[in-house]
């Protein structure tokens, strides 16, 4: 019944969204991705190209289209094409806070092989590489960040052409600039009548299929879709149904990419590459837009990133019900995925907890330098996890920890992570220890809560009650599942998770004080799973 109600509600919302804002969107919403054709490793650059959008080239184009009139028009830079060299994550964060949109590869080179990242060969592998950006002419880089001006550009747009004569056809000028710079092959084709295809605003729909849940794809929710041709960029966030519409027109095929920075604030940092959000390149696509549905057959990085995105987005939404709230994870949550690792963790390092470097190295090995430098909040070990359901369980488990962190703070979390790290080292790789350690009570409460939420949300989504995840450890999510089955839901239990509750006895006492009317049930639950 829950599934039916959900599907009916989703269908109603979809129809409402389509009727009020997407009537003109002429795209196939279910273009299934075969996973073939776009590489997701290192970008390989080709020849340097001449940028048609420089002030000099746009001026030449204007003169070629209007040879008798162009002299009365003086083009001034609308944008600067620059490259920046951040020293560390603080520099990156500062630039992002200033609204600087960056790519890690130059924009005026041909691409021999598409990919998701690039690193300048002259920059040491352990350092941040050059970041390329299009900024306003009055942009000033923060002190200490190296900034080089590559080109002064004129990019036609509403603001750029507002004061220009109305007889100028800027689309024709733009096409002429491509032709004059040797980039005519990049322009859209002409019709049989020798008329150029009209510039288009990119729009489309990105969806995601979870075959274990439903046969109909759902929107890839709240991600940033970006496209560019040289220095001309457009970006838009998808809505909850996966639709996006850019705010600029293009006369040639842009390069599209999904940037896994979500409008809810969380981001996925790419494994071993220091950028805020992972990038999955989609390659050159039509100016009118591009749609696809990501499936288990898609390229594995794209598939996993998409699942993590939607699982996190849905978790944020699940934190409120009928006015009752579980604390959502921090809006700047940073998620890292590690394909070769099996275990996951929620150290919440960007938020403030401090963990001894020796403990970090003992647990994370070769990833230690990056963890020290870029401070992930959640680390997802994805080895052996390829299905939506398996990734979903890991994601909601760690997000439950993040909600708990928001309630108890840094001191509590320092003790929790210290216990887990010490136990891992001293017990020969046993993740949670034996339960007899000095700080084991923190783990008892935190892991019971996280596994409990994992079980509850998994059961709600897949209607599968056949397993109890986490039920074989020395702590016991079964206690909370027992209470939940008898009406004490996760919203009520979360109220008890204060910073002074760091043992099973303390959790029991807090629940008894909060809900005296359920005394018998609470005592029965804790006695049943001693």
Protein backbone atom coordinates (compact mmCIF):
# COMPACT_ATOMS: atom_id res chain seq x y z
CA UNK A 1 0.00 0.00 0.00
CA UNK A 2 2.83 2.43 0.82
CA UNK A 3 4.39 1.71 -2.57
CA UNK A 4 1.11 2.32 -4.37
CA UNK A 5 0.49 5.58 -2.53
CA UNK A 6 4.04 6.70 -3.29
CA UNK A 7 3.71 5.95 -6.98
CA UNK A 8 0.34 7.69 -7.19
CA UNK A 9 1.72 10.74 -5.40
CA UNK A 10 4.80 10.81 -7.63
CA UNK A 11 2.64 10.53 -10.73
CA UNK A 12 0.48 13.41 -9.54
CA UNK A 13 3.52 15.57 -8.81
CA UNK A 14 5.02 14.74 -12.20
CA UNK A 15 1.84 15.73 -13.99
CA UNK A 16 1.63 18.94 -12.00
CA UNK A 17 5.23 19.82 -12.78
CA UNK A 18 4.80 19.05 -16.45
CA UNK A 19 1.59 21.04 -16.71
CA UNK A 20 2.96 24.18 -15.10
CA UNK A 21 6.56 24.38 -16.27
CA UNK A 22 7.52 21.82 -18.89
CA UNK A 23 4.86 21.99 -21.59
CA UNK A 24 7.37 23.04 -24.24
CA UNK A 25 10.03 20.48 -23.36
CA UNK A 26 10.25 18.25 -26.41
CA UNK A 27 12.64 15.53 -25.25
CA UNK A 28 12.53 11.81 -24.76
CA UNK A 29 12.81 11.45 -20.97
CA UNK A 30 14.03 7.86 -21.13
CA UNK A 31 17.10 7.71 -23.35
CA UNK A 32 18.78 4.75 -21.70
CA UNK A 33 22.52 5.03 -21.28
CA UNK A 34 24.41 2.07 -22.70
CA UNK A 35 27.56 2.93 -20.78
CA UNK A 36 29.54 2.98 -24.03
CA UNK A 37 31.20 5.93 -25.72
CA UNK A 38 32.42 8.30 -23.00
CA UNK A 39 35.57 7.63 -21.01
CA UNK A 40 35.52 8.59 -17.32
CA UNK A 41 39.23 8.66 -16.64
CA UNK A 42 41.91 11.24 -17.47
CA UNK A 43 41.11 13.80 -20.19
CA UNK A 44 43.60 13.73 -23.08
CA UNK A 45 44.06 17.12 -24.73
CA UNK A 46 44.71 17.68 -28.43
CA UNK A 47 45.69 20.85 -30.28
CA UNK A 48 45.26 24.34 -28.92
CA UNK A 49 42.38 26.10 -30.68
CA UNK A 50 41.77 29.77 -31.34
CA UNK A 51 38.97 31.00 -29.10
CA UNK A 52 36.25 32.72 -31.16
CA UNK A 53 35.03 34.63 -28.09
CA UNK A 54 38.07 36.83 -27.54
CA UNK A 55 37.37 40.54 -27.91
CA UNK A 56 39.73 40.62 -30.89
CA UNK A 57 38.03 37.75 -32.72
CA UNK A 58 34.49 38.93 -31.98
CA UNK A 59 35.47 42.41 -33.27
CA UNK A 60 36.78 40.87 -36.50
CA UNK A 61 33.58 38.86 -36.85
CA UNK A 62 31.44 41.96 -36.32
CA UNK A 63 33.40 43.75 -39.03
CA UNK A 64 33.01 40.84 -41.44
CA UNK A 65 29.23 40.74 -41.00
CA UNK A 66 28.73 44.53 -40.99
CA UNK A 67 31.72 45.97 -42.94
CA UNK A 68 30.16 49.44 -43.30
CA UNK A 69 28.68 49.78 -39.83
CA UNK A 70 30.99 47.97 -37.41
CA UNK A 71 33.24 50.97 -36.88
CA UNK A 72 30.60 52.64 -34.70
CA UNK A 73 30.61 49.70 -32.24
CA UNK A 74 33.38 49.26 -29.67
CA UNK A 75 33.40 45.86 -27.97
CA UNK A 76 34.64 45.81 -24.41
CA UNK A 77 35.39 42.66 -22.41
CA UNK A 78 32.39 41.03 -20.79
CA UNK A 79 34.50 38.29 -19.20
CA UNK A 80 38.05 37.28 -18.45
CA UNK A 81 39.30 33.77 -19.14
CA UNK A 82 41.76 32.98 -16.36
CA UNK A 83 43.56 30.12 -14.75
CA UNK A 84 44.00 29.87 -10.99
CA UNK A 85 46.35 27.81 -8.87
CA UNK A 86 44.83 27.15 -5.43
CA UNK A 87 47.29 25.97 -2.81
CA UNK A 88 44.91 23.82 -0.81
CA UNK A 89 41.30 23.03 -0.05
CA UNK A 90 40.85 26.30 1.82
CA UNK A 91 41.74 28.19 -1.36
CA UNK A 92 39.33 26.06 -3.37
CA UNK A 93 36.55 26.65 -0.85
CA UNK A 94 37.22 30.38 -0.84
CA UNK A 95 36.96 30.55 -4.64
CA UNK A 96 33.76 28.50 -4.57
CA UNK A 97 32.28 30.82 -1.94
CA UNK A 98 33.04 33.72 -4.30
CA UNK A 99 30.97 31.97 -6.96
CA UNK A 100 33.90 31.04 -9.20
CA UNK A 101 32.99 28.05 -11.38
CA UNK A 102 36.12 26.08 -12.22
CA UNK A 103 37.21 23.24 -14.48
CA UNK A 104 40.54 21.48 -14.13
CA UNK A 105 41.42 21.58 -17.84
CA UNK A 106 41.89 24.40 -20.39
CA UNK A 107 38.85 25.41 -22.42
CA UNK A 108 40.60 26.23 -25.70
CA UNK A 109 42.00 22.81 -26.63
CA UNK A 110 40.51 20.00 -28.64
CA UNK A 111 39.73 16.86 -26.67
CA UNK A 112 41.30 13.68 -28.01
CA UNK A 113 39.74 11.56 -25.28
CA UNK A 114 36.93 12.66 -23.03
CA UNK A 115 37.21 12.08 -19.31
CA UNK A 116 36.20 13.30 -15.88
CA UNK A 117 39.41 14.99 -14.77
CA UNK A 118 42.74 16.43 -15.87
CA UNK A 119 46.05 17.17 -14.16
CA UNK A 120 48.67 19.47 -15.64
CA UNK A 121 51.87 17.50 -16.23
CA UNK A 122 53.96 20.38 -14.82
CA UNK A 123 52.13 20.29 -11.48
CA UNK A 124 53.18 17.59 -8.96
CA UNK A 125 50.56 14.86 -8.65
CA UNK A 126 50.08 15.53 -4.94
CA UNK A 127 49.30 19.23 -5.54
CA UNK A 128 46.18 20.89 -6.87
CA UNK A 129 46.30 21.44 -10.60
CA UNK A 130 45.44 24.64 -12.47
CA UNK A 131 41.76 25.57 -12.37
CA UNK A 132 40.28 27.33 -15.41
CA UNK A 133 37.44 29.79 -15.03
CA UNK A 134 35.50 32.56 -16.75
CA UNK A 135 35.15 35.54 -14.41
CA UNK A 136 34.03 39.15 -14.57
CA UNK A 137 36.64 41.73 -15.64
CA UNK A 138 36.74 43.20 -12.13
CA UNK A 139 37.54 39.82 -10.51
CA UNK A 140 40.44 39.91 -8.05
CA UNK A 141 41.85 36.60 -6.84
CA UNK A 142 42.25 36.22 -3.06
CA UNK A 143 45.70 36.89 -1.70
CA UNK A 144 48.08 34.00 -2.22
CA UNK A 145 46.15 32.38 -5.08
CA UNK A 146 48.04 32.65 -8.34
CA UNK A 147 45.85 34.01 -11.13
CA UNK A 148 46.83 34.39 -14.80
CA UNK A 149 44.76 36.23 -17.42
CA UNK A 150 44.56 34.09 -20.55
CA UNK A 151 42.10 36.09 -22.70
CA UNK A 152 39.76 39.07 -22.59
CA UNK A 153 36.48 37.83 -23.97
CA UNK A 154 33.22 39.15 -25.37
CA UNK A 155 30.40 36.64 -24.86
CA UNK A 156 27.09 37.82 -26.35
CA UNK A 157 24.20 37.86 -23.94
CA UNK A 158 21.45 40.09 -22.58
CA UNK A 159 23.79 42.24 -20.46
CA UNK A 160 26.64 42.27 -22.97
CA UNK A 161 24.53 43.51 -25.87
CA UNK A 162 22.05 45.67 -23.98
CA UNK A 163 23.59 48.97 -25.11
CA UNK A 164 24.57 47.78 -28.60
CA UNK A 165 22.68 48.84 -31.75
CA UNK A 166 19.60 46.73 -32.33
CA UNK A 167 20.54 46.05 -35.96
CA UNK A 168 23.27 43.64 -34.89
CA UNK A 169 22.42 39.96 -35.28
CA UNK A 170 24.70 38.60 -32.57
CA UNK A 171 23.99 35.00 -33.48
CA UNK A 172 25.30 35.67 -36.98
CA UNK A 173 28.33 37.45 -35.53
CA UNK A 174 28.98 34.49 -33.27
CA UNK A 175 28.86 32.10 -36.22
CA UNK A 176 31.23 34.35 -38.16
CA UNK A 177 33.69 34.28 -35.26
CA UNK A 178 33.74 30.48 -35.38
CA UNK A 179 34.38 30.56 -39.11
CA UNK A 180 37.16 33.16 -38.90
CA UNK A 181 38.99 31.23 -36.19
CA UNK A 182 38.92 27.93 -38.05
CA UNK A 183 36.18 26.42 -35.89
CA UNK A 184 33.39 26.30 -38.49
CA UNK A 185 33.14 22.52 -38.17
CA UNK A 186 31.86 23.01 -34.63
CA UNK A 187 28.81 24.97 -35.78
CA UNK A 188 25.40 23.42 -36.15
CA UNK A 189 24.55 22.17 -39.65
CA UNK A 190 22.61 24.18 -42.20
CA UNK A 191 19.23 23.32 -43.66
CA UNK A 192 18.71 22.37 -47.33
CA UNK A 193 17.80 26.01 -47.92
CA UNK A 194 21.33 26.96 -46.80
CA UNK A 195 20.01 28.61 -43.66
CA UNK A 196 21.81 28.03 -40.43
CA UNK A 197 20.09 25.98 -37.77
CA UNK A 198 18.76 28.39 -35.18
CA UNK A 199 20.64 28.59 -31.88
CA UNK A 200 19.01 26.63 -29.10
CA UNK A 201 18.71 26.67 -25.34
CA UNK A 202 19.88 23.30 -23.96
CA UNK A 203 17.25 21.47 -21.95
CA UNK A 204 16.56 17.87 -21.11
CA UNK A 205 15.97 15.30 -18.43
CA UNK A 206 18.41 13.09 -16.53
CA UNK A 207 16.86 10.04 -14.88
CA UNK A 208 17.98 7.07 -12.83
CA UNK A 209 16.67 3.51 -12.82
CA UNK A 210 16.48 1.30 -9.74
CA UNK A 211 15.17 -1.99 -11.17
CA UNK A 212 14.82 -3.55 -7.72
CA UNK A 213 12.40 -0.80 -6.73
CA UNK A 214 10.47 0.13 -9.86
CA UNK A 215 10.69 -0.32 -13.63
CA UNK A 216 10.21 3.41 -14.32
CA UNK A 217 13.19 5.75 -14.04
CA UNK A 218 12.97 8.70 -11.66
CA UNK A 219 14.67 12.06 -11.90
CA UNK A 220 18.30 12.53 -10.97
CA UNK A 221 17.55 15.05 -8.27
CA UNK A 222 19.14 18.44 -7.70
CA UNK A 223 22.43 17.89 -9.56
CA UNK A 224 24.21 20.51 -11.60
CA UNK A 225 24.25 20.00 -15.37
CA UNK A 226 26.88 22.10 -17.11
CA UNK A 227 27.77 22.66 -20.75
CA UNK A 228 30.24 24.84 -22.59
CA UNK A 229 31.75 25.73 -25.93
CA UNK A 230 35.13 27.36 -25.34
CA UNK A 231 34.54 30.01 -22.66
CA UNK A 232 30.78 30.17 -23.11
CA UNK A 233 29.18 28.32 -20.20
CA UNK A 234 25.68 27.49 -19.10
CA UNK A 235 24.65 25.67 -15.94
CA UNK A 236 21.41 24.56 -14.34
CA UNK A 237 20.29 22.34 -11.49
CA UNK A 238 17.87 19.52 -12.23
CA UNK A 239 14.56 19.64 -10.39
CA UNK A 240 13.32 16.69 -8.35
CA UNK A 241 12.05 15.04 -11.56
CA UNK A 242 15.40 15.41 -13.32
CA UNK A 243 14.51 18.25 -15.73
CA UNK A 244 16.92 21.09 -16.46
CA UNK A 245 16.82 24.19 -18.67
CA UNK A 246 19.90 26.33 -19.33
CA UNK A 247 19.84 30.13 -19.53
CA UNK A 248 21.96 30.60 -22.68
CA UNK A 249 21.71 29.71 -26.34
CA UNK A 250 24.35 27.83 -28.31
CA UNK A 251 25.10 27.75 -32.02
CA UNK A 252 27.37 24.70 -31.79
CA UNK A 253 27.40 21.42 -29.91
CA UNK A 254 28.45 21.98 -26.29
CA UNK A 255 30.30 19.52 -24.08
CA UNK A 256 27.91 18.35 -21.38
CA UNK A 257 28.78 17.13 -17.90
CA UNK A 258 27.01 16.26 -14.68
CA UNK A 259 28.64 17.96 -11.71
CA UNK A 260 27.74 16.11 -8.55
CA UNK A 261 27.26 19.18 -6.44
CA UNK A 262 23.67 19.17 -5.25
CA UNK A 263 21.37 22.14 -4.76
CA UNK A 264 20.72 20.87 -1.23
CA UNK A 265 24.37 21.68 -0.50
CA UNK A 266 26.09 18.29 -0.35
CA UNK A 267 28.75 17.27 -2.83
CA UNK A 268 30.65 14.19 -3.90
CA UNK A 269 34.41 14.59 -4.06
CA UNK A 270 36.00 12.48 -6.76
CA UNK A 271 38.29 9.69 -5.60
CA UNK A 272 41.91 10.90 -5.41
CA UNK A 273 41.10 14.14 -7.26
CA UNK A 274 40.72 17.35 -5.29
CA UNK A 275 37.57 18.97 -6.59
CA UNK A 276 34.41 19.83 -4.72
CA UNK A 277 32.12 17.65 -6.78
CA UNK A 278 32.77 14.66 -8.98
CA UNK A 279 32.27 15.30 -12.68
CA UNK A 280 30.83 12.76 -15.09
CA UNK A 281 31.44 13.84 -18.67
CA UNK A 282 28.69 13.21 -21.21
CA UNK A 283 30.63 14.40 -24.26
CA UNK A 284 29.52 16.65 -27.12
CA UNK A 285 25.74 16.71 -27.52
CA UNK A 286 23.17 18.76 -29.46
CA UNK A 287 22.70 22.43 -28.64
CA UNK A 288 19.01 21.78 -28.07
CA UNK A 289 19.82 19.62 -25.06
CA UNK A 290 20.47 16.09 -23.96
CA UNK A 291 18.54 13.52 -21.96
CA UNK A 292 19.51 10.11 -20.67
CA UNK A 293 18.53 7.51 -18.10
CA UNK A 294 21.34 6.11 -15.99
CA UNK A 295 21.03 2.36 -15.38
CA UNK A 296 23.08 -0.46 -13.81
CA UNK A 297 24.58 -0.96 -17.29
CA UNK A 298 25.94 2.59 -17.34
CA UNK A 299 29.60 3.33 -16.70
CA UNK A 300 30.19 2.29 -13.09
CA UNK A 301 31.40 5.66 -11.77
CA UNK A 302 28.44 7.50 -13.27
CA UNK A 303 26.05 4.86 -11.93
CA UNK A 304 27.42 4.96 -8.40
CA UNK A 305 27.54 8.75 -8.27
CA UNK A 306 23.94 8.96 -9.44
CA UNK A 307 22.74 6.44 -6.83
CA UNK A 308 24.65 8.21 -4.04
CA UNK A 309 23.14 11.52 -5.15
CA UNK A 310 19.53 10.33 -5.09
CA UNK A 311 19.95 8.29 -1.91
CA UNK A 312 21.35 11.38 -0.15
CA UNK A 313 18.70 13.70 -1.58
CA UNK A 314 15.94 11.31 -0.46
CA UNK A 315 17.51 10.96 2.99
CA UNK A 316 17.45 14.73 3.48
CA UNK A 317 13.76 14.71 2.58
CA UNK A 318 13.11 11.78 4.93
CA UNK A 319 14.31 13.76 7.94
CA UNK A 320 10.97 15.56 8.36
CA UNK A 321 7.51 14.06 8.89
CA UNK A 322 4.35 15.78 10.12
CA UNK A 323 6.34 18.62 11.64
CA UNK A 324 8.75 16.31 13.50
CA UNK A 325 12.38 16.47 12.40
CA UNK A 326 15.57 14.51 12.54
CA UNK A 327 18.56 16.82 12.11
CA UNK A 328 19.63 16.84 8.49
CA UNK A 329 23.35 16.45 7.77
CA UNK A 330 25.24 19.73 7.32
CA UNK A 331 24.43 21.55 4.08
CA UNK A 332 28.09 21.50 3.03
CA UNK A 333 28.42 17.75 3.54
CA UNK A 334 31.31 16.26 1.57
CA UNK A 335 30.97 12.64 0.47
CA UNK A 336 33.92 10.65 -0.86
CA UNK A 337 33.59 7.27 -2.52
CA UNK A 338 36.42 4.73 -2.54
CA UNK A 339 35.78 1.92 -5.05
CA UNK A 340 38.53 -0.36 -3.72
CA UNK A 341 37.49 -0.18 -0.05
CA UNK A 342 34.80 -2.29 1.52
CA UNK A 343 34.14 -0.34 4.72
CA UNK A 344 32.54 3.07 5.12
CA UNK A 345 32.84 5.77 7.76
CA UNK A 346 31.39 9.12 8.81
CA UNK A 347 34.34 10.95 10.41
CA UNK A 348 32.71 14.36 9.73
CA UNK A 349 36.20 15.83 9.48
CA UNK A 350 35.23 18.94 7.54
CA UNK A 351 32.84 19.89 10.34
CA UNK A 352 35.40 19.98 13.11
CA UNK A 353 36.26 16.64 14.78
CA UNK A 354 40.00 16.13 15.17
CA UNK A 355 41.43 12.67 14.75
CA UNK A 356 45.06 11.81 15.44
CA UNK A 357 46.97 11.36 12.18
CA UNK A 358 48.36 8.01 13.30
CA UNK A 359 44.83 6.66 13.64
CA UNK A 360 43.90 8.01 10.22
CA UNK A 361 46.91 6.33 8.62
CA UNK A 362 46.19 3.03 10.36
CA UNK A 363 42.69 2.92 8.91
CA UNK A 364 42.93 4.73 5.56
CA UNK A 365 46.48 3.93 4.42
CA UNK A 366 47.33 5.52 1.05
CA UNK A 367 44.34 7.86 1.30
CA UNK A 368 45.73 9.52 4.43
CA UNK A 369 47.33 12.56 2.70
CA UNK A 370 44.07 13.40 0.94
CA UNK A 371 41.98 12.82 4.04
CA UNK A 372 44.23 15.14 6.03
CA UNK A 373 44.09 17.79 3.33
CA UNK A 374 40.49 17.65 2.13
CA UNK A 375 38.63 16.45 5.22
CA UNK A 376 35.77 14.30 3.92
CA UNK A 377 32.70 13.96 6.10
CA UNK A 378 31.56 10.62 4.75
CA UNK A 379 33.74 7.96 3.13
CA UNK A 380 31.84 5.27 1.24
CA UNK A 381 33.62 2.01 0.59
CA UNK A 382 32.02 0.64 -2.57
CA UNK A 383 33.96 -2.55 -3.19
CA UNK A 384 31.41 -5.22 -4.08
CA UNK A 385 28.56 -2.72 -3.99
CA UNK A 386 27.13 -2.27 -7.47
CA UNK A 387 23.36 -2.60 -7.02
CA UNK A 388 21.24 0.42 -6.10
CA UNK A 389 20.05 -1.36 -2.97
CA UNK A 390 23.55 -2.14 -1.69
CA UNK A 391 24.78 1.42 -2.25
CA UNK A 392 21.56 2.83 -0.79
CA UNK A 393 22.03 0.94 2.47
CA UNK A 394 25.59 2.23 2.88
CA UNK A 395 24.58 5.80 2.11
CA UNK A 396 21.66 6.02 4.54
CA UNK A 397 23.68 4.32 7.26
CA UNK A 398 26.41 6.96 7.08
CA UNK A 399 23.89 9.78 6.74
CA UNK A 400 22.20 8.56 9.92
CA UNK A 401 25.57 9.03 11.58
CA UNK A 402 25.76 12.55 10.14
CA UNK A 403 22.35 13.39 11.64
CA UNK A 404 23.53 12.01 14.99
CA UNK A 405 26.67 14.15 14.75
CA UNK A 406 24.56 17.27 14.23
CA UNK A 407 22.89 16.58 17.56
CA UNK A 408 25.88 15.58 19.72
CA UNK A 409 28.79 17.68 18.38
CA UNK A 410 32.55 17.35 18.04
CA UNK A 411 33.62 16.04 21.45
CA UNK A 412 31.23 13.11 21.20
CA UNK A 413 32.38 12.37 17.66
CA UNK A 414 36.05 12.52 18.58
CA UNK A 415 35.45 9.78 21.15
CA UNK A 416 33.42 7.68 18.73
CA UNK A 417 36.00 7.83 15.93
CA UNK A 418 38.85 7.29 18.37
CA UNK A 419 37.16 4.11 19.63
CA UNK A 420 36.62 2.78 16.11
CA UNK A 421 40.15 3.61 14.97
CA UNK A 422 41.80 2.14 18.09
CA UNK A 423 39.63 -0.97 17.92
CA UNK A 424 40.48 -1.45 14.27
CA UNK A 425 44.20 -1.34 15.02
CA UNK A 426 44.32 -3.27 18.31
CA UNK A 427 41.90 -6.03 17.30
CA UNK A 428 43.55 -6.78 13.96
CA UNK A 429 40.96 -5.17 11.73
CA UNK A 430 37.73 -5.77 13.67
CA UNK A 431 35.87 -2.59 12.82
CA UNK A 432 33.86 -2.02 15.98
CA UNK A 433 36.01 -3.76 18.57
CA UNK A 434 34.60 -6.15 21.16
CA UNK A 435 32.44 -3.83 23.24
CA UNK A 436 34.76 -3.96 26.24
CA UNK A 437 36.87 -0.93 25.36
CA UNK A 438 36.82 2.28 27.39
CA UNK A 439 34.85 4.26 24.80
CA UNK A 440 32.71 1.38 23.50
CA UNK A 441 29.51 3.00 24.77
CA UNK A 442 29.77 5.70 22.10
CA UNK A 443 29.92 3.02 19.44
CA UNK A 444 27.04 1.09 21.03
CA UNK A 445 24.68 4.06 20.74
CA UNK A 446 25.93 5.40 17.40
CA UNK A 447 26.03 2.13 15.50
CA UNK A 448 22.76 0.86 16.94
CA UNK A 449 21.15 4.08 15.68
CA UNK A 450 22.79 3.97 12.24
CA UNK A 451 22.00 0.31 11.58
CA UNK A 452 18.48 0.86 12.85
CA UNK A 453 17.92 3.70 10.37
CA UNK A 454 19.55 1.65 7.60
CA UNK A 455 17.10 -1.20 8.26
CA UNK A 456 14.05 1.03 8.53
CA UNK A 457 14.68 3.05 5.36
CA UNK A 458 15.71 -0.05 3.41
CA UNK A 459 12.50 -1.80 4.43
CA UNK A 460 10.40 1.24 3.57
CA UNK A 461 11.93 1.43 0.10
CA UNK A 462 12.15 -2.24 -0.85
CA UNK A 463 9.51 -3.81 1.42
CA UNK A 464 12.05 -6.45 2.37
CA UNK A 465 12.02 -7.55 6.00
CA UNK A 466 14.04 -10.74 5.49
CA UNK A 467 17.27 -9.47 7.08
CA UNK A 468 18.43 -7.42 10.04
CA UNK A 469 21.53 -5.53 8.97
CA UNK A 470 23.98 -5.11 11.82
CA UNK A 471 22.24 -7.72 13.94
CA UNK A 472 25.31 -9.90 14.48
CA UNK A 473 27.50 -7.35 16.26
CA UNK A 474 27.90 -6.86 20.01
CA UNK A 475 25.74 -3.73 19.89
CA UNK A 476 22.10 -4.17 19.03
CA UNK A 477 20.00 -2.26 16.49
CA UNK A 478 17.36 -4.91 17.27
CA UNK A 479 16.44 -2.93 20.39
CA UNK A 480 15.44 0.08 18.34
CA UNK A 481 13.78 -2.06 15.67
CA UNK A 482 11.73 -3.71 18.43
CA UNK A 483 10.61 -0.30 19.69
CA UNK A 484 9.91 0.91 16.15
CA UNK A 485 7.69 -2.09 15.40
CA UNK A 486 5.60 -1.11 18.42
CA UNK A 487 5.09 2.52 17.52
CA UNK A 488 8.21 4.35 18.74
CA UNK A 489 9.49 5.60 15.38
CA UNK A 490 12.89 7.04 14.47
CA UNK A 491 11.75 10.62 15.07
CA UNK A 492 10.92 9.82 18.70
CA UNK A 493 14.11 7.82 19.21
CA UNK A 494 16.26 10.60 17.74
CA UNK A 495 15.12 12.97 20.51
CA UNK A 496 16.97 10.74 22.97
CA UNK A 497 20.32 11.00 21.18
CA UNK A 498 21.82 13.88 23.16
CA UNK A 499 25.52 14.38 23.83
CA UNK A 500 25.32 12.82 27.31
CA UNK A 501 23.84 9.58 25.95
CA UNK A 502 26.90 7.45 25.20
CA UNK A 503 26.05 4.05 26.65
CA UNK A 504 23.20 1.58 26.33
CA UNK A 505 22.09 2.24 29.90
CA UNK A 506 22.07 5.99 29.29
CA UNK A 507 19.96 5.50 26.15
CA UNK A 508 17.51 3.35 28.06
CA UNK A 509 17.24 5.89 30.89
CA UNK A 510 16.69 8.77 28.45
CA UNK A 511 13.94 6.90 26.59
CA UNK A 512 12.23 6.06 29.89
CA UNK A 513 12.32 9.71 30.96
CA UNK A 514 11.00 10.91 27.60
CA UNK A 515 8.27 8.30 27.21
CA UNK A 516 7.16 7.04 30.66
CA UNK A 517 3.93 5.77 29.14
CA UNK A 518 6.03 3.20 27.22
CA UNK A 519 7.99 1.99 30.26
CA UNK A 520 7.05 -1.67 29.92
CA UNK A 521 7.85 -1.77 26.23
CA UNK A 522 11.23 -0.04 26.68
CA UNK A 523 12.27 -2.37 29.51
CA UNK A 524 11.17 -5.39 27.49
CA UNK A 525 13.19 -4.26 24.44
CA UNK A 526 16.42 -3.70 26.36
CA UNK A 527 16.04 -6.90 28.39
CA UNK A 528 15.35 -8.94 25.26
CA UNK A 529 18.64 -7.95 23.60
CA UNK A 530 21.15 -7.88 26.47
